[in-house]
Amino acid sequence: MVGDEKLPAILSVDNYPEWHWVIQNVLRKSKARLVFASSVKEARHLLESENFSLVISGVKMPDGSGLDILSLAEGQEIPFVLCTALLE
């Protein structure tokens, strides 16, 4: 986790650490606390225990997909961004 607990929180989910580095650098000037998860399981736990202002997720992960995370966030009215570098 990066930042102050009182700031709005953004959840970044992907199994590639490089992705989190990119998100952290893109959003470094934002007034938000960045929270990183490396799996669907970890994202599920975080979504159940914290309130997020935004979720940014990769599509494919070893234990599921970004669509699984989207369905977990359904009903919470959280803006959700799915990103992929897949060429398939």
N, C-alpha and C. Protein backbone atom coordinates (compact mmCIF):
# COMPACT_ATOMS: atom_id res chain seq x y z
N MET A 1 0.83 -1.17 0.00
CA MET A 1 0.00 0.00 0.00
C MET A 1 0.88 1.24 0.00
N VAL A 2 0.37 2.24 -0.70
CA VAL A 2 1.12 3.47 -0.81
C VAL A 2 0.21 4.62 -0.40
N GLY A 3 0.63 5.43 0.54
CA GLY A 3 -0.10 6.64 0.84
C GLY A 3 -0.82 6.64 2.17
N ASP A 4 -1.60 7.68 2.38
CA ASP A 4 -2.32 7.95 3.61
C ASP A 4 -3.66 7.24 3.62
N GLU A 5 -4.03 6.64 4.75
CA GLU A 5 -5.28 5.90 4.90
C GLU A 5 -6.52 6.78 4.70
N LYS A 6 -6.41 8.10 4.82
CA LYS A 6 -7.56 8.99 4.71
C LYS A 6 -7.87 9.37 3.26
N LEU A 7 -6.96 9.10 2.35
CA LEU A 7 -7.16 9.45 0.95
C LEU A 7 -8.07 8.44 0.25
N PRO A 8 -8.72 8.84 -0.85
CA PRO A 8 -9.49 7.87 -1.64
C PRO A 8 -8.55 6.74 -2.08
N ALA A 9 -9.07 5.52 -2.14
CA ALA A 9 -8.23 4.37 -2.46
C ALA A 9 -8.50 3.86 -3.88
N ILE A 10 -7.43 3.51 -4.57
CA ILE A 10 -7.50 2.89 -5.89
C ILE A 10 -6.88 1.50 -5.77
N LEU A 11 -7.63 0.50 -6.22
CA LEU A 11 -7.13 -0.88 -6.20
C LEU A 11 -6.61 -1.25 -7.58
N SER A 12 -5.36 -1.67 -7.64
CA SER A 12 -4.73 -2.14 -8.87
C SER A 12 -4.51 -3.65 -8.73
N VAL A 13 -5.03 -4.42 -9.70
CA VAL A 13 -4.95 -5.88 -9.62
C VAL A 13 -4.28 -6.44 -10.87
N ASP A 14 -3.18 -7.13 -10.68
CA ASP A 14 -2.52 -7.83 -11.77
C ASP A 14 -1.43 -8.71 -11.17
N ASN A 15 -1.13 -9.80 -11.86
CA ASN A 15 -0.09 -10.71 -11.36
C ASN A 15 1.31 -10.32 -11.82
N TYR A 16 1.44 -9.26 -12.61
CA TYR A 16 2.75 -8.79 -13.04
C TYR A 16 3.17 -7.57 -12.23
N PRO A 17 4.26 -7.66 -11.47
CA PRO A 17 4.72 -6.51 -10.68
C PRO A 17 4.99 -5.27 -11.53
N GLU A 18 5.37 -5.47 -12.78
CA GLU A 18 5.63 -4.34 -13.68
C GLU A 18 4.38 -3.50 -13.88
N TRP A 19 3.23 -4.15 -13.89
CA TRP A 19 1.96 -3.44 -14.05
C TRP A 19 1.76 -2.47 -12.88
N HIS A 20 2.03 -2.94 -11.68
CA HIS A 20 1.87 -2.09 -10.50
C HIS A 20 2.83 -0.91 -10.55
N TRP A 21 4.04 -1.14 -11.06
CA TRP A 21 5.01 -0.07 -11.22
C TRP A 21 4.47 1.00 -12.17
N VAL A 22 3.89 0.56 -13.29
CA VAL A 22 3.32 1.50 -14.27
C VAL A 22 2.20 2.30 -13.63
N ILE A 23 1.27 1.62 -12.96
CA ILE A 23 0.15 2.31 -12.32
C ILE A 23 0.65 3.32 -11.28
N GLN A 24 1.62 2.90 -10.48
CA GLN A 24 2.15 3.79 -9.46
C GLN A 24 2.77 5.03 -10.09
N ASN A 25 3.48 4.87 -11.19
CA ASN A 25 4.11 6.02 -11.85
C ASN A 25 3.10 6.91 -12.55
N VAL A 26 2.09 6.33 -13.15
CA VAL A 26 1.06 7.12 -13.83
C VAL A 26 0.26 7.93 -12.81
N LEU A 27 -0.02 7.33 -11.66
CA LEU A 27 -0.87 7.98 -10.66
C LEU A 27 -0.10 8.63 -9.51
N ARG A 28 1.21 8.77 -9.66
CA ARG A 28 2.03 9.25 -8.54
C ARG A 28 1.65 10.65 -8.06
N LYS A 29 1.09 11.47 -8.93
CA LYS A 29 0.70 12.81 -8.52
C LYS A 29 -0.75 12.91 -8.08
N SER A 30 -1.46 11.80 -8.13
CA SER A 30 -2.87 11.82 -7.73
C SER A 30 -2.98 11.92 -6.22
N LYS A 31 -4.08 12.40 -5.78
CA LYS A 31 -4.36 12.47 -4.34
C LYS A 31 -5.12 11.21 -3.94
N ALA A 32 -4.51 10.06 -4.19
CA ALA A 32 -5.16 8.78 -3.88
C ALA A 32 -4.15 7.83 -3.26
N ARG A 33 -4.68 6.91 -2.48
CA ARG A 33 -3.88 5.84 -1.89
C ARG A 33 -3.97 4.64 -2.81
N LEU A 34 -2.83 4.12 -3.22
CA LEU A 34 -2.80 2.98 -4.14
C LEU A 34 -2.66 1.69 -3.34
N VAL A 35 -3.51 0.72 -3.67
CA VAL A 35 -3.49 -0.59 -3.03
C VAL A 35 -3.29 -1.61 -4.14
N PHE A 36 -2.34 -2.53 -3.95
CA PHE A 36 -1.99 -3.49 -4.98
C PHE A 36 -2.36 -4.91 -4.58
N ALA A 37 -2.95 -5.64 -5.53
CA ALA A 37 -3.25 -7.06 -5.34
C ALA A 37 -2.67 -7.81 -6.53
N SER A 38 -2.15 -9.00 -6.27
CA SER A 38 -1.52 -9.77 -7.35
C SER A 38 -2.34 -10.99 -7.77
N SER A 39 -3.57 -11.10 -7.26
CA SER A 39 -4.42 -12.24 -7.62
C SER A 39 -5.89 -11.88 -7.42
N VAL A 40 -6.76 -12.68 -8.02
CA VAL A 40 -8.20 -12.50 -7.83
C VAL A 40 -8.54 -12.74 -6.36
N LYS A 41 -7.93 -13.75 -5.77
CA LYS A 41 -8.18 -14.07 -4.36
C LYS A 41 -7.83 -12.88 -3.46
N GLU A 42 -6.69 -12.28 -3.68
CA GLU A 42 -6.27 -11.14 -2.88
C GLU A 42 -7.20 -9.94 -3.11
N ALA A 43 -7.61 -9.72 -4.37
CA ALA A 43 -8.53 -8.63 -4.68
C ALA A 43 -9.87 -8.85 -3.99
N ARG A 44 -10.35 -10.08 -3.98
CA ARG A 44 -11.62 -10.40 -3.30
C ARG A 44 -11.55 -9.99 -1.83
N HIS A 45 -10.47 -10.37 -1.17
CA HIS A 45 -10.30 -10.03 0.24
C HIS A 45 -10.30 -8.51 0.44
N LEU A 46 -9.57 -7.80 -0.40
CA LEU A 46 -9.49 -6.34 -0.28
C LEU A 46 -10.84 -5.68 -0.54
N LEU A 47 -11.58 -6.16 -1.54
CA LEU A 47 -12.89 -5.59 -1.85
C LEU A 47 -13.88 -5.82 -0.72
N GLU A 48 -13.71 -6.91 0.02
CA GLU A 48 -14.59 -7.20 1.15
C GLU A 48 -14.23 -6.39 2.39
N SER A 49 -12.99 -5.90 2.45
CA SER A 49 -12.54 -5.24 3.68
C SER A 49 -12.31 -3.73 3.55
N GLU A 50 -12.32 -3.19 2.33
CA GLU A 50 -12.05 -1.77 2.14
C GLU A 50 -13.01 -1.17 1.12
N ASN A 51 -13.13 0.15 1.14
CA ASN A 51 -13.90 0.87 0.13
C ASN A 51 -12.93 1.48 -0.87
N PHE A 52 -13.21 1.29 -2.15
CA PHE A 52 -12.34 1.82 -3.20
C PHE A 52 -13.10 2.81 -4.07
N SER A 53 -12.37 3.81 -4.55
CA SER A 53 -12.93 4.81 -5.46
C SER A 53 -12.79 4.36 -6.91
N LEU A 54 -11.87 3.43 -7.16
CA LEU A 54 -11.60 2.95 -8.52
C LEU A 54 -10.89 1.61 -8.43
N VAL A 55 -11.20 0.71 -9.36
CA VAL A 55 -10.46 -0.55 -9.51
C VAL A 55 -9.90 -0.58 -10.93
N ILE A 56 -8.60 -0.87 -11.03
CA ILE A 56 -7.93 -1.05 -12.32
C ILE A 56 -7.39 -2.47 -12.32
N SER A 57 -7.81 -3.27 -13.30
CA SER A 57 -7.43 -4.68 -13.27
C SER A 57 -6.97 -5.18 -14.63
N GLY A 58 -6.00 -6.08 -14.56
CA GLY A 58 -5.63 -6.82 -15.75
C GLY A 58 -6.73 -7.83 -16.07
N VAL A 59 -6.68 -8.39 -17.26
CA VAL A 59 -7.73 -9.33 -17.66
C VAL A 59 -7.39 -10.75 -17.24
N LYS A 60 -6.23 -11.24 -17.61
CA LYS A 60 -5.86 -12.64 -17.33
C LYS A 60 -4.93 -12.74 -16.14
N MET A 61 -5.29 -13.63 -15.22
CA MET A 61 -4.44 -13.93 -14.07
C MET A 61 -4.51 -15.43 -13.81
N PRO A 62 -3.53 -15.99 -13.14
CA PRO A 62 -3.51 -17.44 -12.93
C PRO A 62 -4.73 -18.00 -12.20
N ASP A 63 -5.33 -17.22 -11.29
CA ASP A 63 -6.46 -17.75 -10.52
C ASP A 63 -7.81 -17.18 -10.95
N GLY A 64 -7.88 -16.57 -12.12
CA GLY A 64 -9.14 -16.03 -12.61
C GLY A 64 -8.89 -14.90 -13.58
N SER A 65 -9.86 -14.01 -13.66
CA SER A 65 -9.73 -12.90 -14.60
C SER A 65 -10.26 -11.60 -14.00
N GLY A 66 -9.97 -10.53 -14.68
CA GLY A 66 -10.49 -9.24 -14.28
C GLY A 66 -12.01 -9.21 -14.28
N LEU A 67 -12.62 -10.03 -15.13
CA LEU A 67 -14.09 -10.11 -15.15
C LEU A 67 -14.61 -10.70 -13.86
N ASP A 68 -13.86 -11.63 -13.26
CA ASP A 68 -14.24 -12.18 -11.95
C ASP A 68 -14.23 -11.07 -10.90
N ILE A 69 -13.23 -10.22 -10.97
CA ILE A 69 -13.13 -9.11 -10.01
C ILE A 69 -14.25 -8.11 -10.25
N LEU A 70 -14.55 -7.86 -11.51
CA LEU A 70 -15.66 -6.96 -11.85
C LEU A 70 -16.96 -7.47 -11.24
N SER A 71 -17.21 -8.77 -11.32
CA SER A 71 -18.44 -9.32 -10.74
C SER A 71 -18.43 -9.22 -9.21
N LEU A 72 -17.24 -9.29 -8.59
CA LEU A 72 -17.15 -9.11 -7.14
C LEU A 72 -17.50 -7.68 -6.73
N ALA A 73 -17.14 -6.73 -7.58
CA ALA A 73 -17.37 -5.31 -7.28
C ALA A 73 -18.78 -4.87 -7.68
N GLU A 74 -19.50 -5.72 -8.37
CA GLU A 74 -20.85 -5.39 -8.82
C GLU A 74 -21.73 -5.03 -7.63
N GLY A 75 -22.49 -3.99 -7.78
CA GLY A 75 -23.35 -3.55 -6.69
C GLY A 75 -22.69 -2.54 -5.77
N GLN A 76 -21.38 -2.38 -5.87
CA GLN A 76 -20.68 -1.40 -5.04
C GLN A 76 -20.53 -0.06 -5.75
N GLU A 77 -20.95 0.01 -6.99
CA GLU A 77 -20.88 1.24 -7.78
C GLU A 77 -19.47 1.83 -7.81
N ILE A 78 -18.50 0.97 -8.07
CA ILE A 78 -17.10 1.39 -8.16
C ILE A 78 -16.73 1.49 -9.64
N PRO A 79 -16.20 2.62 -10.10
CA PRO A 79 -15.69 2.67 -11.46
C PRO A 79 -14.63 1.57 -11.64
N PHE A 80 -14.64 0.92 -12.81
CA PHE A 80 -13.80 -0.24 -13.03
C PHE A 80 -13.16 -0.14 -14.41
N VAL A 81 -11.84 -0.34 -14.46
CA VAL A 81 -11.11 -0.30 -15.72
C VAL A 81 -10.42 -1.64 -15.92
N LEU A 82 -10.69 -2.28 -17.06
CA LEU A 82 -10.00 -3.52 -17.44
C LEU A 82 -8.95 -3.18 -18.47
N CYS A 83 -7.73 -3.66 -18.26
CA CYS A 83 -6.62 -3.40 -19.18
C CYS A 83 -5.95 -4.71 -19.56
N THR A 84 -5.47 -4.77 -20.78
CA THR A 84 -4.74 -5.97 -21.20
C THR A 84 -3.65 -5.60 -22.20
N ALA A 85 -2.62 -6.41 -22.20
CA ALA A 85 -1.55 -6.30 -23.19
C ALA A 85 -1.58 -7.52 -24.09
N LEU A 86 -2.63 -8.33 -23.94
CA LEU A 86 -2.75 -9.55 -24.74
C LEU A 86 -3.00 -9.22 -26.20
N LEU A 87 -2.38 -9.97 -27.06
CA LEU A 87 -2.56 -9.77 -28.49
C LEU A 87 -3.53 -10.78 -29.08
N GLU A 88 -3.99 -11.71 -28.27
CA GLU A 88 -4.89 -12.77 -28.75
C GLU A 88 -6.32 -12.30 -28.84
